[in-house]
Amino acid sequence: MTASDNKRLALHAFHEFAKGNVDVLRTVLHEDFVEHSPGNPSGRDAFIEFITQAPVAGAQLDLRRVVADDTYVVMHYLMSTPRGDHAPHRTTHPAVRPGRRAGAPQMDATRRHP
């Protein structure tokens, strides 16, 4: 795949997920997907099960920039939740307190499976 193809596929999945379509992850994650965030499970099915229960599933995702080449796609986005007590699971920002709107910059890098 070209950088353009990779970017198009990643953007489609991002926007679908942002609209609440968690099933789109089944079309873009390999079955032995590896998650590198501590505490998050690896494997497509385990990760999807986890992510459907995580605050990101209901968060607003504001895409800021996308960088792609023939192998990787990196997406930088702001993830925000309606209330601070449902803050993104990896947020340690001091502004995240119960009852307040929470926002956290996120960066995800994905690699095409050979």
N, C-alpha and C. Protein backbone atom coordinates (compact mmCIF):
# COMPACT_ATOMS: atom_id res chain seq x y z
N MET A 1 0.84 -1.19 0.00
CA MET A 1 0.00 0.00 0.00
C MET A 1 0.88 1.24 0.00
N THR A 2 0.38 2.28 -0.62
CA THR A 2 1.10 3.54 -0.63
C THR A 2 0.78 4.35 0.62
N ALA A 3 1.52 5.40 0.85
CA ALA A 3 1.25 6.29 1.98
C ALA A 3 -0.17 6.84 1.89
N SER A 4 -0.58 7.19 0.70
CA SER A 4 -1.92 7.72 0.49
C SER A 4 -3.00 6.68 0.84
N ASP A 5 -2.78 5.44 0.42
CA ASP A 5 -3.72 4.35 0.75
C ASP A 5 -3.79 4.13 2.26
N ASN A 6 -2.63 4.08 2.90
CA ASN A 6 -2.59 3.88 4.35
C ASN A 6 -3.30 5.01 5.08
N LYS A 7 -3.07 6.22 4.65
CA LYS A 7 -3.70 7.38 5.28
C LYS A 7 -5.22 7.33 5.10
N ARG A 8 -5.67 7.00 3.91
CA ARG A 8 -7.10 6.92 3.62
C ARG A 8 -7.77 5.85 4.49
N LEU A 9 -7.15 4.68 4.61
CA LEU A 9 -7.70 3.60 5.43
C LEU A 9 -7.75 4.01 6.91
N ALA A 10 -6.67 4.60 7.41
CA ALA A 10 -6.62 5.02 8.81
C ALA A 10 -7.64 6.13 9.09
N LEU A 11 -7.78 7.08 8.19
CA LEU A 11 -8.75 8.16 8.38
C LEU A 11 -10.18 7.63 8.38
N HIS A 12 -10.47 6.69 7.49
CA HIS A 12 -11.80 6.09 7.46
C HIS A 12 -12.09 5.42 8.80
N ALA A 13 -11.16 4.61 9.29
CA ALA A 13 -11.36 3.92 10.56
C ALA A 13 -11.48 4.91 11.72
N PHE A 14 -10.65 5.95 11.72
CA PHE A 14 -10.70 6.95 12.79
C PHE A 14 -12.07 7.63 12.84
N HIS A 15 -12.54 8.09 11.68
CA HIS A 15 -13.81 8.81 11.64
C HIS A 15 -14.99 7.89 11.98
N GLU A 16 -14.95 6.65 11.53
CA GLU A 16 -16.00 5.70 11.89
C GLU A 16 -16.00 5.44 13.40
N PHE A 17 -14.82 5.23 13.97
CA PHE A 17 -14.72 5.00 15.41
C PHE A 17 -15.20 6.22 16.18
N ALA A 18 -14.83 7.40 15.71
CA ALA A 18 -15.26 8.65 16.37
C ALA A 18 -16.77 8.81 16.35
N LYS A 19 -17.44 8.21 15.34
CA LYS A 19 -18.91 8.26 15.27
C LYS A 19 -19.56 7.17 16.12
N GLY A 20 -18.74 6.33 16.76
CA GLY A 20 -19.27 5.29 17.62
C GLY A 20 -19.26 3.89 17.02
N ASN A 21 -18.71 3.73 15.83
CA ASN A 21 -18.65 2.44 15.18
C ASN A 21 -17.40 1.68 15.64
N VAL A 22 -17.50 0.98 16.76
CA VAL A 22 -16.36 0.23 17.29
C VAL A 22 -16.04 -0.97 16.40
N ASP A 23 -17.04 -1.50 15.71
CA ASP A 23 -16.82 -2.67 14.84
C ASP A 23 -15.85 -2.39 13.71
N VAL A 24 -15.64 -1.13 13.36
CA VAL A 24 -14.68 -0.82 12.30
C VAL A 24 -13.28 -1.31 12.67
N LEU A 25 -13.01 -1.42 13.97
CA LEU A 25 -11.70 -1.89 14.41
C LEU A 25 -11.44 -3.31 13.93
N ARG A 26 -12.48 -4.12 13.77
CA ARG A 26 -12.31 -5.50 13.29
C ARG A 26 -11.79 -5.53 11.86
N THR A 27 -12.04 -4.47 11.11
CA THR A 27 -11.60 -4.43 9.71
C THR A 27 -10.19 -3.90 9.55
N VAL A 28 -9.64 -3.25 10.58
CA VAL A 28 -8.32 -2.64 10.43
C VAL A 28 -7.26 -3.20 11.39
N LEU A 29 -7.67 -3.91 12.43
CA LEU A 29 -6.70 -4.48 13.36
C LEU A 29 -6.44 -5.95 13.02
N HIS A 30 -5.19 -6.32 12.99
CA HIS A 30 -4.83 -7.72 12.76
C HIS A 30 -5.17 -8.53 14.00
N GLU A 31 -5.46 -9.81 13.83
CA GLU A 31 -5.88 -10.63 14.98
C GLU A 31 -4.84 -10.69 16.09
N ASP A 32 -3.56 -10.56 15.76
CA ASP A 32 -2.54 -10.55 16.81
C ASP A 32 -1.97 -9.14 17.04
N PHE A 33 -2.86 -8.16 16.90
CA PHE A 33 -2.57 -6.75 17.18
C PHE A 33 -1.85 -6.61 18.53
N VAL A 34 -0.81 -5.76 18.56
CA VAL A 34 -0.06 -5.53 19.79
C VAL A 34 -0.31 -4.10 20.25
N GLU A 35 -0.81 -3.97 21.47
CA GLU A 35 -1.06 -2.66 22.10
C GLU A 35 0.13 -2.36 22.99
N HIS A 36 0.67 -1.15 22.89
CA HIS A 36 1.86 -0.80 23.65
C HIS A 36 1.58 0.10 24.84
N SER A 37 0.33 0.40 25.11
CA SER A 37 -0.02 1.21 26.29
C SER A 37 -0.10 0.29 27.50
N PRO A 38 0.61 0.62 28.57
CA PRO A 38 0.58 -0.23 29.76
C PRO A 38 -0.85 -0.44 30.27
N GLY A 39 -1.18 -1.67 30.57
CA GLY A 39 -2.49 -1.99 31.12
C GLY A 39 -3.55 -2.29 30.08
N ASN A 40 -3.30 -1.98 28.83
CA ASN A 40 -4.26 -2.28 27.77
C ASN A 40 -3.90 -3.62 27.15
N PRO A 41 -4.90 -4.47 26.89
CA PRO A 41 -4.61 -5.80 26.36
C PRO A 41 -4.24 -5.78 24.87
N SER A 42 -3.45 -6.75 24.48
CA SER A 42 -3.12 -6.98 23.07
C SER A 42 -4.05 -8.04 22.51
N GLY A 43 -4.00 -8.19 21.19
CA GLY A 43 -4.90 -9.11 20.50
C GLY A 43 -6.15 -8.34 20.10
N ARG A 44 -6.56 -8.50 18.84
CA ARG A 44 -7.69 -7.74 18.31
C ARG A 44 -8.94 -7.86 19.17
N ASP A 45 -9.37 -9.08 19.44
CA ASP A 45 -10.63 -9.26 20.16
C ASP A 45 -10.56 -8.73 21.59
N ALA A 46 -9.45 -9.01 22.28
CA ALA A 46 -9.30 -8.52 23.66
C ALA A 46 -9.24 -7.00 23.68
N PHE A 47 -8.54 -6.41 22.73
CA PHE A 47 -8.43 -4.95 22.68
C PHE A 47 -9.79 -4.31 22.40
N ILE A 48 -10.54 -4.87 21.44
CA ILE A 48 -11.85 -4.31 21.11
C ILE A 48 -12.79 -4.42 22.30
N GLU A 49 -12.77 -5.54 22.99
CA GLU A 49 -13.59 -5.70 24.19
C GLU A 49 -13.22 -4.63 25.23
N PHE A 50 -11.92 -4.43 25.41
CA PHE A 50 -11.43 -3.42 26.36
C PHE A 50 -11.87 -2.02 25.94
N ILE A 51 -11.67 -1.69 24.68
CA ILE A 51 -11.91 -0.32 24.21
C ILE A 51 -13.39 0.05 24.25
N THR A 52 -14.28 -0.94 24.10
CA THR A 52 -15.71 -0.64 24.16
C THR A 52 -16.13 -0.21 25.56
N GLN A 53 -15.36 -0.60 26.57
CA GLN A 53 -15.66 -0.24 27.96
C GLN A 53 -14.86 0.98 28.42
N ALA A 54 -13.88 1.39 27.64
CA ALA A 54 -13.00 2.50 28.01
C ALA A 54 -13.65 3.85 27.67
N PRO A 55 -13.26 4.90 28.37
CA PRO A 55 -13.83 6.23 28.12
C PRO A 55 -13.68 6.72 26.68
N VAL A 56 -12.66 6.25 25.97
CA VAL A 56 -12.45 6.70 24.59
C VAL A 56 -13.63 6.34 23.70
N ALA A 57 -14.35 5.26 24.03
CA ALA A 57 -15.48 4.84 23.20
C ALA A 57 -16.58 5.90 23.14
N GLY A 58 -16.69 6.74 24.17
CA GLY A 58 -17.71 7.78 24.15
C GLY A 58 -17.14 9.18 24.08
N ALA A 59 -15.84 9.28 23.84
CA ALA A 59 -15.18 10.57 23.84
C ALA A 59 -15.34 11.28 22.49
N GLN A 60 -15.16 12.58 22.54
CA GLN A 60 -15.09 13.37 21.31
C GLN A 60 -13.64 13.35 20.85
N LEU A 61 -13.40 13.00 19.60
CA LEU A 61 -12.06 12.92 19.05
C LEU A 61 -11.88 14.01 18.01
N ASP A 62 -10.95 14.90 18.26
CA ASP A 62 -10.69 16.03 17.37
C ASP A 62 -9.33 15.84 16.71
N LEU A 63 -9.34 15.35 15.46
CA LEU A 63 -8.12 15.06 14.73
C LEU A 63 -7.37 16.35 14.43
N ARG A 64 -6.09 16.38 14.80
CA ARG A 64 -5.27 17.58 14.59
C ARG A 64 -4.32 17.44 13.40
N ARG A 65 -3.67 16.27 13.27
CA ARG A 65 -2.76 16.07 12.14
C ARG A 65 -2.55 14.59 11.90
N VAL A 66 -2.19 14.26 10.66
CA VAL A 66 -1.94 12.88 10.25
C VAL A 66 -0.67 12.88 9.41
N VAL A 67 0.23 11.95 9.72
CA VAL A 67 1.45 11.78 8.95
C VAL A 67 1.50 10.32 8.53
N ALA A 68 1.74 10.06 7.25
CA ALA A 68 1.74 8.69 6.76
C ALA A 68 2.88 8.46 5.78
N ASP A 69 3.35 7.20 5.80
CA ASP A 69 4.26 6.75 4.75
C ASP A 69 3.79 5.36 4.32
N ASP A 70 4.61 4.63 3.60
CA ASP A 70 4.18 3.33 3.10
C ASP A 70 4.00 2.28 4.19
N THR A 71 4.51 2.53 5.39
CA THR A 71 4.43 1.57 6.48
C THR A 71 3.62 2.06 7.66
N TYR A 72 3.76 3.32 8.03
CA TYR A 72 3.15 3.85 9.26
C TYR A 72 2.14 4.95 8.98
N VAL A 73 1.20 5.08 9.91
CA VAL A 73 0.31 6.23 9.96
C VAL A 73 0.33 6.71 11.40
N VAL A 74 0.61 7.99 11.60
CA VAL A 74 0.61 8.58 12.93
C VAL A 74 -0.50 9.63 12.97
N MET A 75 -1.36 9.51 13.98
CA MET A 75 -2.47 10.44 14.13
C MET A 75 -2.34 11.16 15.46
N HIS A 76 -2.44 12.45 15.41
CA HIS A 76 -2.42 13.28 16.61
C HIS A 76 -3.81 13.86 16.76
N TYR A 77 -4.42 13.64 17.92
CA TYR A 77 -5.78 14.11 18.14
C TYR A 77 -6.00 14.49 19.58
N LEU A 78 -7.01 15.30 19.81
CA LEU A 78 -7.42 15.68 21.15
C LEU A 78 -8.63 14.83 21.50
N MET A 79 -8.54 14.13 22.60
CA MET A 79 -9.64 13.31 23.07
C MET A 79 -10.24 14.00 24.28
N SER A 80 -11.54 14.30 24.22
CA SER A 80 -12.18 14.95 25.36
C SER A 80 -13.46 14.22 25.71
N THR A 81 -13.77 14.26 26.99
CA THR A 81 -14.96 13.61 27.51
C THR A 81 -15.87 14.67 28.11
N PRO A 82 -17.15 14.39 28.23
CA PRO A 82 -18.08 15.39 28.74
C PRO A 82 -17.83 15.78 30.19
N ARG A 83 -17.35 14.83 31.01
CA ARG A 83 -17.14 15.12 32.43
C ARG A 83 -15.80 14.55 32.87
N GLY A 84 -15.13 15.26 33.75
CA GLY A 84 -13.82 14.85 34.22
C GLY A 84 -13.78 13.51 34.91
N ASP A 85 -14.90 13.06 35.51
CA ASP A 85 -14.85 11.78 36.20
C ASP A 85 -14.87 10.61 35.22
N HIS A 86 -15.01 10.89 33.93
CA HIS A 86 -14.90 9.87 32.91
C HIS A 86 -13.73 10.22 31.99
N ALA A 87 -12.67 10.69 32.59
CA ALA A 87 -11.52 11.15 31.83
C ALA A 87 -10.86 10.00 31.08
N PRO A 88 -10.19 10.30 29.97
CA PRO A 88 -9.49 9.26 29.23
C PRO A 88 -8.60 8.44 30.15
N HIS A 89 -8.55 7.16 29.93
CA HIS A 89 -7.88 6.25 30.84
C HIS A 89 -6.38 6.49 30.98
N ARG A 90 -5.75 7.18 30.06
CA ARG A 90 -4.32 7.43 30.17
C ARG A 90 -4.02 8.87 30.57
N THR A 91 -5.02 9.61 30.94
CA THR A 91 -4.82 11.02 31.25
C THR A 91 -4.31 11.20 32.67
N THR A 92 -3.24 11.94 32.82
CA THR A 92 -2.74 12.29 34.14
C THR A 92 -2.67 13.81 34.29
N HIS A 93 -3.32 14.51 33.40
CA HIS A 93 -3.29 15.96 33.41
C HIS A 93 -3.95 16.50 34.67
N PRO A 94 -3.34 17.48 35.36
CA PRO A 94 -3.90 17.99 36.61
C PRO A 94 -5.27 18.66 36.46
N ALA A 95 -5.65 19.06 35.25
CA ALA A 95 -6.95 19.71 35.06
C ALA A 95 -8.10 18.71 35.05
N VAL A 96 -7.79 17.42 35.03
CA VAL A 96 -8.83 16.40 34.99
C VAL A 96 -9.29 16.11 36.41
N ARG A 97 -10.47 16.64 36.74
CA ARG A 97 -11.05 16.45 38.07
C ARG A 97 -12.52 16.11 37.91
N PRO A 98 -13.09 15.35 38.87
CA PRO A 98 -14.50 14.98 38.77
C PRO A 98 -15.40 16.19 38.53
N GLY A 99 -16.34 16.01 37.60
CA GLY A 99 -17.31 17.06 37.31
C GLY A 99 -16.85 18.09 36.30
N ARG A 100 -15.62 18.00 35.83
CA ARG A 100 -15.12 18.96 34.85
C ARG A 100 -14.88 18.27 33.52
N ARG A 101 -15.01 19.06 32.46
CA ARG A 101 -14.72 18.53 31.13
C ARG A 101 -13.24 18.18 31.07
N ALA A 102 -12.92 17.06 30.47
CA ALA A 102 -11.54 16.60 30.40
C ALA A 102 -11.08 16.57 28.95
N GLY A 103 -9.84 16.88 28.74
CA GLY A 103 -9.26 16.79 27.41
C GLY A 103 -7.82 16.34 27.53
N ALA A 104 -7.39 15.53 26.59
CA ALA A 104 -6.02 15.05 26.63
C ALA A 104 -5.51 14.85 25.21
N PRO A 105 -4.33 15.39 24.91
CA PRO A 105 -3.76 15.14 23.60
C PRO A 105 -3.33 13.68 23.49
N GLN A 106 -3.58 13.06 22.36
CA GLN A 106 -3.24 11.66 22.13
C GLN A 106 -2.48 11.54 20.83
N MET A 107 -1.61 10.55 20.76
CA MET A 107 -0.90 10.26 19.53
C MET A 107 -0.89 8.75 19.36
N ASP A 108 -1.38 8.27 18.25
CA ASP A 108 -1.38 6.85 17.94
C ASP A 108 -0.59 6.63 16.66
N ALA A 109 0.25 5.61 16.69
CA ALA A 109 0.99 5.21 15.49
C ALA A 109 0.56 3.81 15.12
N THR A 110 0.23 3.59 13.88
CA THR A 110 -0.15 2.27 13.42
C THR A 110 0.79 1.85 12.31
N ARG A 111 1.01 0.55 12.23
CA ARG A 111 1.90 0.01 11.20
C ARG A 111 1.15 -1.04 10.42
N ARG A 112 1.27 -1.02 9.13
CA ARG A 112 0.65 -2.00 8.26
C ARG A 112 1.26 -3.36 8.53
N HIS A 113 0.43 -4.38 8.66
CA HIS A 113 0.90 -5.73 8.89
C HIS A 113 1.41 -6.30 7.55
N PRO A 114 2.59 -6.91 7.56
CA PRO A 114 3.15 -7.42 6.29
C PRO A 114 2.27 -8.47 5.65
